N, C-alpha and C. Protein backbone atom coordinates (compact mmCIF):
# COMPACT_ATOMS: atom_id res chain seq x y z
N UNK A 1 246.76 184.36 122.84
CA UNK A 1 246.09 183.52 123.85
C UNK A 1 245.48 182.29 123.19
N UNK A 2 244.79 182.51 122.05
CA UNK A 2 244.17 181.39 121.35
C UNK A 2 245.22 180.44 120.81
N UNK A 3 246.36 181.02 120.31
CA UNK A 3 247.42 180.18 119.78
C UNK A 3 248.05 179.32 120.87
N UNK A 4 248.17 179.87 122.09
CA UNK A 4 248.74 179.13 123.20
C UNK A 4 247.84 177.98 123.60
N UNK A 5 246.51 178.24 123.63
CA UNK A 5 245.56 177.17 123.98
C UNK A 5 245.59 176.07 122.95
N UNK A 6 245.70 176.47 121.66
CA UNK A 6 245.74 175.46 120.61
C UNK A 6 246.98 174.59 120.72
N UNK A 7 248.13 175.22 121.10
CA UNK A 7 249.37 174.48 121.26
C UNK A 7 249.27 173.50 122.41
N UNK A 8 248.68 173.96 123.54
CA UNK A 8 248.51 173.07 124.71
C UNK A 8 247.59 171.91 124.35
N UNK A 9 246.52 172.20 123.60
CA UNK A 9 245.58 171.16 123.19
C UNK A 9 246.27 170.13 122.31
N UNK A 10 247.13 170.60 121.38
CA UNK A 10 247.84 169.71 120.48
C UNK A 10 248.79 168.80 121.26
N UNK A 11 249.55 169.39 122.20
CA UNK A 11 250.49 168.59 123.00
C UNK A 11 249.75 167.55 123.82
N UNK A 12 248.62 167.98 124.41
CA UNK A 12 247.84 167.03 125.21
C UNK A 12 247.32 165.88 124.38
N UNK A 13 246.84 166.18 123.18
CA UNK A 13 246.33 165.12 122.31
C UNK A 13 247.43 164.19 121.86
N UNK A 14 248.63 164.72 121.62
CA UNK A 14 249.77 163.88 121.25
C UNK A 14 250.13 162.91 122.37
N UNK A 15 250.11 163.43 123.60
CA UNK A 15 250.42 162.56 124.75
C UNK A 15 249.37 161.48 124.91
N UNK A 16 248.08 161.87 124.81
CA UNK A 16 247.00 160.89 124.95
C UNK A 16 247.05 159.85 123.85
N UNK A 17 247.37 160.30 122.63
CA UNK A 17 247.45 159.36 121.51
C UNK A 17 248.58 158.37 121.72
N UNK A 18 249.72 158.87 122.19
CA UNK A 18 250.87 157.99 122.43
C UNK A 18 250.58 156.98 123.52
N UNK A 19 249.92 157.45 124.62
CA UNK A 19 249.58 156.55 125.71
C UNK A 19 248.61 155.47 125.26
N UNK A 20 247.60 155.90 124.49
CA UNK A 20 246.61 154.93 124.03
C UNK A 20 247.25 153.89 123.13
N UNK A 21 248.15 154.31 122.27
CA UNK A 21 248.81 153.38 121.37
C UNK A 21 249.76 152.46 122.12
N UNK A 22 250.42 153.00 123.19
CA UNK A 22 251.32 152.17 123.98
C UNK A 22 250.55 151.07 124.70
N UNK A 23 249.38 151.46 125.24
CA UNK A 23 248.56 150.48 125.94
C UNK A 23 248.04 149.42 124.99
N UNK A 24 247.83 149.80 123.73
CA UNK A 24 247.32 148.84 122.76
C UNK A 24 248.44 148.06 122.10
N UNK A 25 249.69 148.38 122.48
CA UNK A 25 250.81 147.67 121.90
C UNK A 25 251.19 148.17 120.52
N UNK A 26 250.66 149.34 120.13
CA UNK A 26 250.93 149.88 118.81
C UNK A 26 252.00 150.95 118.90
N UNK A 27 252.97 150.93 118.05
CA UNK A 27 254.05 151.91 118.04
C UNK A 27 253.86 152.83 116.84
N UNK A 28 253.76 154.11 117.12
CA UNK A 28 253.56 155.09 116.06
C UNK A 28 254.76 156.01 115.96
N UNK A 29 255.02 156.47 114.72
CA UNK A 29 256.06 157.47 114.51
C UNK A 29 255.49 158.83 114.92
N UNK A 30 256.35 159.82 115.17
CA UNK A 30 255.85 161.16 115.53
C UNK A 30 254.89 161.72 114.49
N UNK A 31 255.16 161.48 113.20
CA UNK A 31 254.31 162.00 112.15
C UNK A 31 252.93 161.36 112.20
N UNK A 32 252.87 160.04 112.44
CA UNK A 32 251.58 159.34 112.52
C UNK A 32 250.80 159.80 113.73
N UNK A 33 251.49 160.00 114.86
CA UNK A 33 250.81 160.47 116.07
C UNK A 33 250.24 161.86 115.87
N UNK A 34 251.00 162.74 115.17
CA UNK A 34 250.52 164.09 114.89
C UNK A 34 249.29 164.07 114.01
N UNK A 35 249.30 163.22 112.98
CA UNK A 35 248.17 163.12 112.06
C UNK A 35 246.91 162.69 112.79
N UNK A 36 247.04 161.71 113.69
CA UNK A 36 245.86 161.26 114.45
C UNK A 36 245.36 162.35 115.39
N UNK A 37 246.29 163.10 115.96
CA UNK A 37 245.89 164.16 116.89
C UNK A 37 245.15 165.26 116.15
N UNK A 38 245.62 165.64 114.94
CA UNK A 38 244.96 166.68 114.16
C UNK A 38 243.55 166.25 113.78
N UNK A 39 243.37 164.98 113.44
CA UNK A 39 242.04 164.49 113.08
C UNK A 39 241.08 164.58 114.25
N UNK A 40 241.62 164.51 115.48
CA UNK A 40 240.75 164.54 116.67
C UNK A 40 240.38 165.94 117.11
N UNK A 41 241.04 166.98 116.56
CA UNK A 41 240.75 168.36 116.97
C UNK A 41 239.43 168.81 116.35
N UNK A 42 238.47 169.28 117.13
CA UNK A 42 237.19 169.74 116.57
C UNK A 42 237.36 171.00 115.76
N UNK A 43 236.55 171.16 114.72
CA UNK A 43 236.58 172.33 113.86
C UNK A 43 235.36 173.19 114.16
N UNK A 44 235.59 174.49 114.40
CA UNK A 44 234.51 175.41 114.72
C UNK A 44 234.35 176.40 113.58
N UNK A 45 233.11 176.72 113.22
CA UNK A 45 232.83 177.68 112.17
C UNK A 45 231.89 178.76 112.69
N UNK A 46 232.01 179.97 112.13
CA UNK A 46 231.18 181.08 112.58
C UNK A 46 229.94 181.25 111.72
N UNK A 47 229.90 180.62 110.59
CA UNK A 47 228.74 180.72 109.71
C UNK A 47 228.46 179.38 109.06
N UNK A 48 227.38 179.29 108.30
CA UNK A 48 227.04 178.05 107.63
C UNK A 48 226.41 178.38 106.28
N UNK A 49 226.23 177.32 105.47
CA UNK A 49 225.66 177.56 104.15
C UNK A 49 224.18 177.89 104.23
N UNK A 50 223.51 177.48 105.28
CA UNK A 50 222.09 177.78 105.44
C UNK A 50 221.73 177.75 106.92
N UNK A 51 220.61 178.38 107.28
CA UNK A 51 220.15 178.39 108.65
C UNK A 51 218.65 178.11 108.66
N UNK A 52 218.14 177.73 109.82
CA UNK A 52 216.72 177.45 109.95
C UNK A 52 215.91 178.72 109.69
N UNK A 53 214.93 178.61 108.83
CA UNK A 53 214.10 179.76 108.49
C UNK A 53 214.66 180.59 107.35
N UNK A 54 215.86 180.22 106.85
CA UNK A 54 216.47 180.95 105.75
C UNK A 54 215.91 180.52 104.41
N UNK A 55 216.04 181.38 103.42
CA UNK A 55 215.54 181.10 102.07
C UNK A 55 216.68 180.76 101.13
N UNK A 56 217.83 181.41 101.33
CA UNK A 56 218.96 181.25 100.41
C UNK A 56 220.05 180.39 101.03
N UNK A 57 220.84 179.76 100.17
CA UNK A 57 221.99 178.98 100.58
C UNK A 57 223.24 179.53 99.90
N UNK A 58 224.40 179.14 100.40
CA UNK A 58 225.66 179.59 99.83
C UNK A 58 225.72 179.25 98.34
N UNK A 59 226.09 180.24 97.53
CA UNK A 59 226.17 180.03 96.10
C UNK A 59 224.96 180.54 95.34
N UNK A 60 223.86 180.81 96.07
CA UNK A 60 222.64 181.31 95.41
C UNK A 60 222.83 182.75 94.94
N UNK A 61 222.12 183.09 93.89
CA UNK A 61 222.07 184.48 93.40
C UNK A 61 220.80 185.13 93.94
N UNK A 62 220.94 186.33 94.46
CA UNK A 62 219.80 187.06 95.00
C UNK A 62 219.86 188.50 94.51
N UNK A 63 218.78 189.24 94.76
CA UNK A 63 218.68 190.64 94.36
C UNK A 63 218.45 191.49 95.60
N UNK A 64 219.18 192.59 95.71
CA UNK A 64 219.00 193.50 96.84
C UNK A 64 217.70 194.28 96.70
N UNK A 65 216.99 194.44 97.79
CA UNK A 65 215.73 195.15 97.77
C UNK A 65 215.63 196.03 99.01
N UNK A 66 214.79 197.06 98.94
CA UNK A 66 214.60 197.96 100.06
C UNK A 66 213.91 199.23 99.63
N UNK A 67 213.59 200.09 100.58
CA UNK A 67 212.92 201.35 100.27
C UNK A 67 213.89 202.40 99.76
N UNK A 68 215.12 202.39 100.28
CA UNK A 68 216.12 203.36 99.86
C UNK A 68 216.84 202.88 98.61
N UNK A 69 217.45 203.83 97.89
CA UNK A 69 218.17 203.45 96.67
C UNK A 69 219.38 202.59 97.01
N UNK A 70 220.09 202.96 98.09
CA UNK A 70 221.25 202.18 98.52
C UNK A 70 220.88 201.27 99.67
N UNK A 71 221.32 200.01 99.57
CA UNK A 71 221.10 199.03 100.63
C UNK A 71 222.40 198.92 101.43
N UNK A 72 222.31 199.03 102.75
CA UNK A 72 223.49 198.98 103.60
C UNK A 72 224.05 197.56 103.71
N UNK A 73 225.38 197.45 103.64
CA UNK A 73 226.09 196.22 103.91
C UNK A 73 226.81 196.39 105.25
N UNK A 74 226.74 195.39 106.12
CA UNK A 74 227.30 195.49 107.47
C UNK A 74 228.52 194.58 107.62
N UNK A 75 229.43 194.97 108.55
CA UNK A 75 230.63 194.17 108.76
C UNK A 75 230.33 192.84 109.43
N UNK A 76 229.26 192.81 110.23
CA UNK A 76 228.81 191.60 110.91
C UNK A 76 227.30 191.67 111.05
N UNK A 77 226.62 190.54 111.28
CA UNK A 77 225.18 190.60 111.51
C UNK A 77 224.85 191.55 112.65
N UNK A 78 224.06 192.57 112.36
CA UNK A 78 223.70 193.55 113.38
C UNK A 78 224.83 194.50 113.73
N UNK A 79 225.91 194.51 112.93
CA UNK A 79 227.08 195.33 113.24
C UNK A 79 227.03 196.71 112.62
N UNK A 80 228.19 197.20 112.18
CA UNK A 80 228.31 198.54 111.63
C UNK A 80 228.24 198.51 110.10
N UNK A 81 227.73 199.60 109.53
CA UNK A 81 227.65 199.71 108.07
C UNK A 81 229.06 199.81 107.50
N UNK A 82 229.38 198.96 106.55
CA UNK A 82 230.72 198.94 105.95
C UNK A 82 230.72 199.38 104.49
N UNK A 83 229.55 199.32 103.84
CA UNK A 83 229.46 199.71 102.43
C UNK A 83 227.99 199.85 102.06
N UNK A 84 227.75 200.21 100.81
CA UNK A 84 226.38 200.32 100.31
C UNK A 84 226.33 199.86 98.87
N UNK A 85 225.23 199.27 98.49
CA UNK A 85 225.04 198.79 97.11
C UNK A 85 223.62 199.15 96.70
N UNK A 86 223.46 199.61 95.46
CA UNK A 86 222.13 200.03 95.02
C UNK A 86 221.17 198.85 94.97
N UNK A 87 219.93 199.11 95.33
CA UNK A 87 218.92 198.06 95.28
C UNK A 87 218.71 197.64 93.82
N UNK A 88 218.34 196.39 93.65
CA UNK A 88 218.18 195.84 92.32
C UNK A 88 219.42 195.16 91.81
N UNK A 89 220.57 195.36 92.48
CA UNK A 89 221.81 194.72 92.06
C UNK A 89 221.79 193.24 92.42
N UNK A 90 222.30 192.42 91.53
CA UNK A 90 222.41 190.99 91.80
C UNK A 90 223.66 190.72 92.63
N UNK A 91 223.52 189.87 93.63
CA UNK A 91 224.63 189.53 94.52
C UNK A 91 224.69 188.02 94.69
N UNK A 92 225.80 187.56 95.22
CA UNK A 92 225.99 186.13 95.48
C UNK A 92 226.00 185.88 96.98
N UNK A 93 225.21 184.92 97.43
CA UNK A 93 225.16 184.58 98.85
C UNK A 93 226.37 183.72 99.20
N UNK A 94 227.10 184.12 100.26
CA UNK A 94 228.29 183.39 100.69
C UNK A 94 228.02 182.48 101.88
N UNK A 95 227.28 182.97 102.86
CA UNK A 95 226.93 182.17 104.02
C UNK A 95 225.76 182.80 104.75
N UNK A 96 225.23 182.08 105.72
CA UNK A 96 224.06 182.54 106.47
C UNK A 96 224.34 182.46 107.97
N UNK A 97 223.66 183.30 108.72
CA UNK A 97 223.80 183.31 110.17
C UNK A 97 222.54 183.90 110.78
N UNK A 98 222.46 183.88 112.09
CA UNK A 98 221.32 184.47 112.79
C UNK A 98 221.81 185.44 113.85
N UNK A 99 221.06 186.50 114.04
CA UNK A 99 221.31 187.48 115.10
C UNK A 99 220.00 187.66 115.83
N UNK A 100 219.90 187.04 117.02
CA UNK A 100 218.61 187.00 117.70
C UNK A 100 217.66 186.12 116.93
N UNK A 101 216.51 186.66 116.56
CA UNK A 101 215.53 185.92 115.77
C UNK A 101 215.61 186.27 114.29
N UNK A 102 216.61 187.05 113.89
CA UNK A 102 216.69 187.52 112.51
C UNK A 102 217.75 186.76 111.72
N UNK A 103 217.40 186.40 110.50
CA UNK A 103 218.33 185.72 109.60
C UNK A 103 219.14 186.75 108.83
N UNK A 104 220.45 186.54 108.76
CA UNK A 104 221.35 187.42 108.02
C UNK A 104 222.12 186.62 106.99
N UNK A 105 222.50 187.29 105.89
CA UNK A 105 223.29 186.64 104.85
C UNK A 105 224.54 187.47 104.55
N UNK A 106 225.66 186.77 104.41
CA UNK A 106 226.87 187.42 103.94
C UNK A 106 226.86 187.30 102.42
N UNK A 107 227.03 188.44 101.74
CA UNK A 107 226.92 188.45 100.29
C UNK A 107 228.16 189.05 99.66
N UNK A 108 228.33 188.74 98.39
CA UNK A 108 229.38 189.37 97.58
C UNK A 108 228.69 190.26 96.56
N UNK A 109 228.94 191.56 96.68
CA UNK A 109 228.31 192.54 95.80
C UNK A 109 229.38 193.30 95.02
N UNK A 110 228.94 194.19 94.17
CA UNK A 110 229.87 194.97 93.38
C UNK A 110 230.78 195.84 94.22
N UNK A 111 230.31 196.30 95.38
CA UNK A 111 231.10 197.16 96.25
C UNK A 111 231.89 196.38 97.29
N UNK A 112 231.79 195.05 97.28
CA UNK A 112 232.53 194.23 98.22
C UNK A 112 231.64 193.24 98.96
N UNK A 113 232.19 192.63 99.99
CA UNK A 113 231.46 191.66 100.78
C UNK A 113 230.88 192.33 102.03
N UNK A 114 229.76 191.81 102.48
CA UNK A 114 229.14 192.34 103.68
C UNK A 114 227.90 191.54 104.06
N UNK A 115 227.32 191.86 105.21
CA UNK A 115 226.14 191.16 105.72
C UNK A 115 224.90 192.02 105.53
N UNK A 116 223.79 191.38 105.17
CA UNK A 116 222.51 192.08 105.06
C UNK A 116 221.44 191.20 105.71
N UNK A 117 220.40 191.82 106.27
CA UNK A 117 219.30 191.02 106.81
C UNK A 117 218.52 190.36 105.69
N UNK A 118 217.84 189.28 106.00
CA UNK A 118 217.08 188.53 104.99
C UNK A 118 216.05 189.41 104.29
N UNK A 119 215.55 190.43 104.99
CA UNK A 119 214.53 191.31 104.39
C UNK A 119 215.10 192.16 103.26
N UNK A 120 216.44 192.19 103.12
CA UNK A 120 217.06 192.99 102.06
C UNK A 120 217.37 192.18 100.82
N UNK A 121 216.94 190.90 100.81
CA UNK A 121 217.20 190.04 99.66
C UNK A 121 215.90 189.43 99.14
N UNK A 122 215.85 189.24 97.83
CA UNK A 122 214.74 188.54 97.22
C UNK A 122 215.26 187.75 96.03
N UNK A 123 214.45 186.81 95.57
CA UNK A 123 214.83 186.00 94.43
C UNK A 123 214.95 186.87 93.18
N UNK A 124 215.85 186.53 92.25
CA UNK A 124 216.06 187.35 91.05
C UNK A 124 214.79 187.63 90.27
N UNK A 125 213.88 186.63 90.23
CA UNK A 125 212.67 186.84 89.43
C UNK A 125 211.75 187.90 90.03
N UNK A 126 212.03 188.33 91.27
CA UNK A 126 211.20 189.35 91.88
C UNK A 126 211.64 190.76 91.54
N UNK A 127 212.77 190.92 90.86
CA UNK A 127 213.27 192.24 90.52
C UNK A 127 212.62 192.76 89.25
N UNK A 128 212.13 193.99 89.31
CA UNK A 128 211.41 194.55 88.18
C UNK A 128 212.28 195.39 87.26
N UNK A 129 213.59 195.54 87.60
CA UNK A 129 214.44 196.40 86.79
C UNK A 129 214.54 195.93 85.36
N UNK A 130 214.48 194.61 85.16
CA UNK A 130 214.64 194.07 83.80
C UNK A 130 213.47 194.46 82.91
N UNK A 131 212.33 194.92 83.49
CA UNK A 131 211.16 195.28 82.70
C UNK A 131 211.23 196.72 82.21
N UNK A 132 212.25 197.48 82.65
CA UNK A 132 212.39 198.85 82.20
C UNK A 132 212.71 198.85 80.71
N UNK A 133 211.93 199.58 79.95
CA UNK A 133 212.15 199.63 78.51
C UNK A 133 213.39 200.44 78.17
N UNK A 134 214.00 200.09 77.05
CA UNK A 134 215.18 200.79 76.61
C UNK A 134 216.42 199.93 76.74
N UNK A 135 217.60 200.53 76.58
CA UNK A 135 218.86 199.79 76.67
C UNK A 135 219.00 199.08 78.00
N UNK A 136 219.71 197.96 78.00
CA UNK A 136 219.89 197.15 79.19
C UNK A 136 221.38 196.99 79.48
N UNK A 137 221.72 196.53 80.71
CA UNK A 137 223.14 196.33 81.06
C UNK A 137 223.88 195.50 80.01
N UNK A 138 225.06 195.99 79.63
CA UNK A 138 225.86 195.32 78.62
C UNK A 138 225.74 195.95 77.24
N UNK A 139 224.69 196.75 77.04
CA UNK A 139 224.49 197.40 75.74
C UNK A 139 225.46 198.58 75.56
N UNK A 140 225.83 198.82 74.32
CA UNK A 140 226.64 199.99 73.99
C UNK A 140 225.75 201.12 73.51
N UNK A 141 225.96 202.33 74.02
CA UNK A 141 225.15 203.49 73.66
C UNK A 141 226.08 204.69 73.50
N UNK A 142 225.48 205.85 73.19
CA UNK A 142 226.24 207.08 73.01
C UNK A 142 225.68 208.17 73.91
N UNK A 143 226.57 209.04 74.37
CA UNK A 143 226.14 210.15 75.21
C UNK A 143 225.57 211.26 74.36
N UNK A 144 224.54 211.92 74.88
CA UNK A 144 223.95 213.06 74.19
C UNK A 144 223.54 214.10 75.22
N UNK A 145 223.39 215.32 74.78
CA UNK A 145 222.97 216.40 75.67
C UNK A 145 223.14 217.74 74.99
N UNK A 146 222.67 218.78 75.66
CA UNK A 146 222.76 220.13 75.10
C UNK A 146 224.14 220.71 75.29
N UNK A 147 224.79 220.35 76.39
CA UNK A 147 226.14 220.86 76.65
C UNK A 147 227.18 219.93 76.04
N UNK A 148 228.40 220.45 75.89
CA UNK A 148 229.48 219.64 75.31
C UNK A 148 229.82 218.48 76.23
N UNK A 149 229.83 218.73 77.56
CA UNK A 149 230.14 217.69 78.52
C UNK A 149 228.86 217.18 79.18
N UNK A 150 228.77 215.87 79.33
CA UNK A 150 227.65 215.23 80.04
C UNK A 150 228.15 214.87 81.43
N UNK A 151 227.44 215.31 82.46
CA UNK A 151 227.84 215.06 83.84
C UNK A 151 227.54 213.63 84.28
N UNK A 152 228.50 213.02 85.01
CA UNK A 152 228.30 211.72 85.65
C UNK A 152 228.07 211.97 87.13
N UNK A 153 227.06 211.30 87.70
CA UNK A 153 226.76 211.44 89.12
C UNK A 153 227.15 210.17 89.87
N UNK A 154 227.44 210.31 91.17
CA UNK A 154 227.84 209.14 91.97
C UNK A 154 226.67 208.19 92.17
N UNK A 155 225.47 208.73 92.32
CA UNK A 155 224.23 207.97 92.41
C UNK A 155 223.16 208.79 91.71
N UNK A 156 222.03 208.19 91.34
CA UNK A 156 220.96 208.98 90.74
C UNK A 156 220.59 210.17 91.63
N UNK A 157 220.50 211.35 91.01
CA UNK A 157 220.21 212.60 91.73
C UNK A 157 221.30 212.96 92.74
N UNK A 158 222.50 212.41 92.54
CA UNK A 158 223.59 212.64 93.48
C UNK A 158 224.52 213.76 93.06
N UNK A 159 225.81 213.59 93.39
CA UNK A 159 226.82 214.61 93.13
C UNK A 159 227.58 214.31 91.83
N UNK A 160 228.03 215.37 91.18
CA UNK A 160 228.82 215.22 89.96
C UNK A 160 230.21 214.71 90.31
N UNK A 161 230.64 213.64 89.65
CA UNK A 161 231.95 213.07 89.92
C UNK A 161 232.86 213.08 88.69
N UNK A 162 232.29 213.29 87.52
CA UNK A 162 233.09 213.30 86.30
C UNK A 162 232.26 213.88 85.16
N UNK A 163 232.91 214.04 84.00
CA UNK A 163 232.22 214.53 82.82
C UNK A 163 232.83 213.93 81.57
N UNK A 164 232.00 213.72 80.58
CA UNK A 164 232.46 213.13 79.33
C UNK A 164 231.79 213.86 78.17
N UNK A 165 232.53 214.09 77.08
CA UNK A 165 231.95 214.83 75.96
C UNK A 165 230.84 214.03 75.29
N UNK A 166 229.83 214.74 74.83
CA UNK A 166 228.71 214.10 74.16
C UNK A 166 229.19 213.44 72.87
N UNK A 167 228.50 212.37 72.48
CA UNK A 167 228.88 211.61 71.30
C UNK A 167 229.80 210.46 71.60
N UNK A 168 230.33 210.38 72.84
CA UNK A 168 231.25 209.31 73.21
C UNK A 168 230.49 207.99 73.38
N UNK A 169 231.09 206.91 72.88
CA UNK A 169 230.50 205.58 73.05
C UNK A 169 230.77 205.07 74.46
N UNK A 170 229.74 204.58 75.14
CA UNK A 170 229.86 204.09 76.51
C UNK A 170 229.11 202.77 76.64
N UNK A 171 229.34 202.08 77.75
CA UNK A 171 228.68 200.80 78.01
C UNK A 171 227.81 200.90 79.26
N UNK A 172 226.60 200.38 79.18
CA UNK A 172 225.68 200.41 80.32
C UNK A 172 226.04 199.31 81.30
N UNK A 173 226.16 199.69 82.58
CA UNK A 173 226.45 198.73 83.63
C UNK A 173 225.20 198.31 84.38
N UNK A 174 224.35 199.29 84.72
CA UNK A 174 223.13 199.01 85.47
C UNK A 174 222.05 200.00 85.06
N UNK A 175 220.80 199.63 85.32
CA UNK A 175 219.68 200.50 85.04
C UNK A 175 218.77 200.50 86.26
N UNK A 176 218.23 201.66 86.60
CA UNK A 176 217.33 201.78 87.77
C UNK A 176 216.34 202.89 87.52
N UNK A 177 215.20 202.76 88.16
CA UNK A 177 214.17 203.80 88.09
C UNK A 177 214.02 204.43 89.46
N UNK A 178 214.26 205.71 89.56
CA UNK A 178 214.20 206.43 90.83
C UNK A 178 213.24 207.60 90.69
N UNK A 179 212.20 207.59 91.49
CA UNK A 179 211.20 208.66 91.49
C UNK A 179 210.65 208.93 90.08
N UNK A 180 210.42 207.87 89.34
CA UNK A 180 209.81 208.00 88.02
C UNK A 180 210.78 208.30 86.89
N UNK A 181 212.06 208.48 87.20
CA UNK A 181 213.07 208.75 86.17
C UNK A 181 213.98 207.54 86.01
N UNK A 182 214.24 207.15 84.76
CA UNK A 182 215.14 206.03 84.49
C UNK A 182 216.58 206.55 84.45
N UNK A 183 217.46 205.87 85.19
CA UNK A 183 218.87 206.24 85.26
C UNK A 183 219.73 205.07 84.79
N UNK A 184 220.87 205.41 84.20
CA UNK A 184 221.80 204.39 83.74
C UNK A 184 223.18 204.62 84.36
N UNK A 185 223.74 203.55 84.89
CA UNK A 185 225.14 203.61 85.30
C UNK A 185 225.97 203.16 84.10
N UNK A 186 226.92 204.00 83.70
CA UNK A 186 227.68 203.72 82.49
C UNK A 186 229.17 203.66 82.76
N UNK A 187 229.86 203.00 81.86
CA UNK A 187 231.31 202.91 81.90
C UNK A 187 231.86 203.66 80.70
N UNK A 188 232.61 204.72 80.94
CA UNK A 188 233.13 205.59 79.88
C UNK A 188 234.63 205.80 80.08
N UNK A 189 235.32 206.37 79.11
CA UNK A 189 236.75 206.65 79.28
C UNK A 189 237.04 207.53 80.50
N UNK A 190 236.11 208.41 80.84
CA UNK A 190 236.32 209.30 81.99
C UNK A 190 236.01 208.63 83.32
N UNK A 191 235.47 207.43 83.28
CA UNK A 191 235.13 206.71 84.51
C UNK A 191 233.71 206.19 84.48
N UNK A 192 233.24 205.77 85.64
CA UNK A 192 231.89 205.24 85.77
C UNK A 192 231.01 206.24 86.51
N UNK A 193 229.73 206.28 86.14
CA UNK A 193 228.81 207.18 86.81
C UNK A 193 227.40 207.00 86.31
N UNK A 194 226.47 207.72 86.93
CA UNK A 194 225.05 207.62 86.58
C UNK A 194 224.62 208.84 85.75
N UNK A 195 223.81 208.57 84.73
CA UNK A 195 223.23 209.64 83.91
C UNK A 195 221.75 209.32 83.69
N UNK A 196 220.89 210.34 83.55
CA UNK A 196 219.49 210.06 83.26
C UNK A 196 219.34 209.56 81.83
N UNK A 197 218.21 208.90 81.56
CA UNK A 197 217.97 208.29 80.25
C UNK A 197 218.07 209.31 79.11
N UNK A 198 217.76 210.57 79.40
CA UNK A 198 217.79 211.58 78.34
C UNK A 198 219.20 211.86 77.83
N UNK A 199 220.21 211.40 78.58
CA UNK A 199 221.60 211.65 78.17
C UNK A 199 222.23 210.49 77.41
N UNK A 200 221.46 209.47 77.05
CA UNK A 200 222.02 208.39 76.25
C UNK A 200 221.13 208.13 75.03
N UNK A 201 221.74 207.60 74.00
CA UNK A 201 221.00 207.25 72.78
C UNK A 201 221.67 206.05 72.12
N UNK A 202 220.88 205.27 71.41
CA UNK A 202 221.43 204.13 70.70
C UNK A 202 221.93 204.51 69.31
N UNK A 203 221.67 205.74 68.89
CA UNK A 203 222.07 206.19 67.56
C UNK A 203 223.43 206.87 67.60
N UNK A 204 224.31 206.46 66.72
CA UNK A 204 225.65 207.06 66.64
C UNK A 204 225.55 208.49 66.17
N UNK A 205 226.37 209.38 66.69
CA UNK A 205 226.32 210.80 66.30
C UNK A 205 226.78 211.00 64.85
């Protein structure tokens, strides 16, 4: 339906352009008439780089915040939950929009793109995760524990998704503090997952 309307609009603009040029004594080729018609077609957008009352603009870096460990990402402003990303994660703002009186931002996160309300974002300097003592994202560490295999969880205090033998060198992806316990998301040969701080060490076995 939309394609048919666009075609009718294009044909109408071509006719009007040709008539206007004929009246002005100007002769245009079909290609020139088409180019002028395309320039006259209005462009509509569903989002913008910023909105009134917004704090962030497209391209800005922000940090997810909230009471829960996972922050919901929605398919549209005020729509359905499409994904989740842990709070404290840095994201990139893609565009802004409004739903009623509420400002929403479309962001690019580690789990994909989605919309979040403005209350779920804050400036990077407001995130306290960087003040957690110990290894930081990007650091290389080693797994340790009493058992031969160290369990990886999907989220802090979550379900076991993999296991890796102790002594294995791994890389820290993220760090978070949940209910007073420091957790690390790590990248290991067995995959990615979360382990408590007691399961990593900077000393080689």
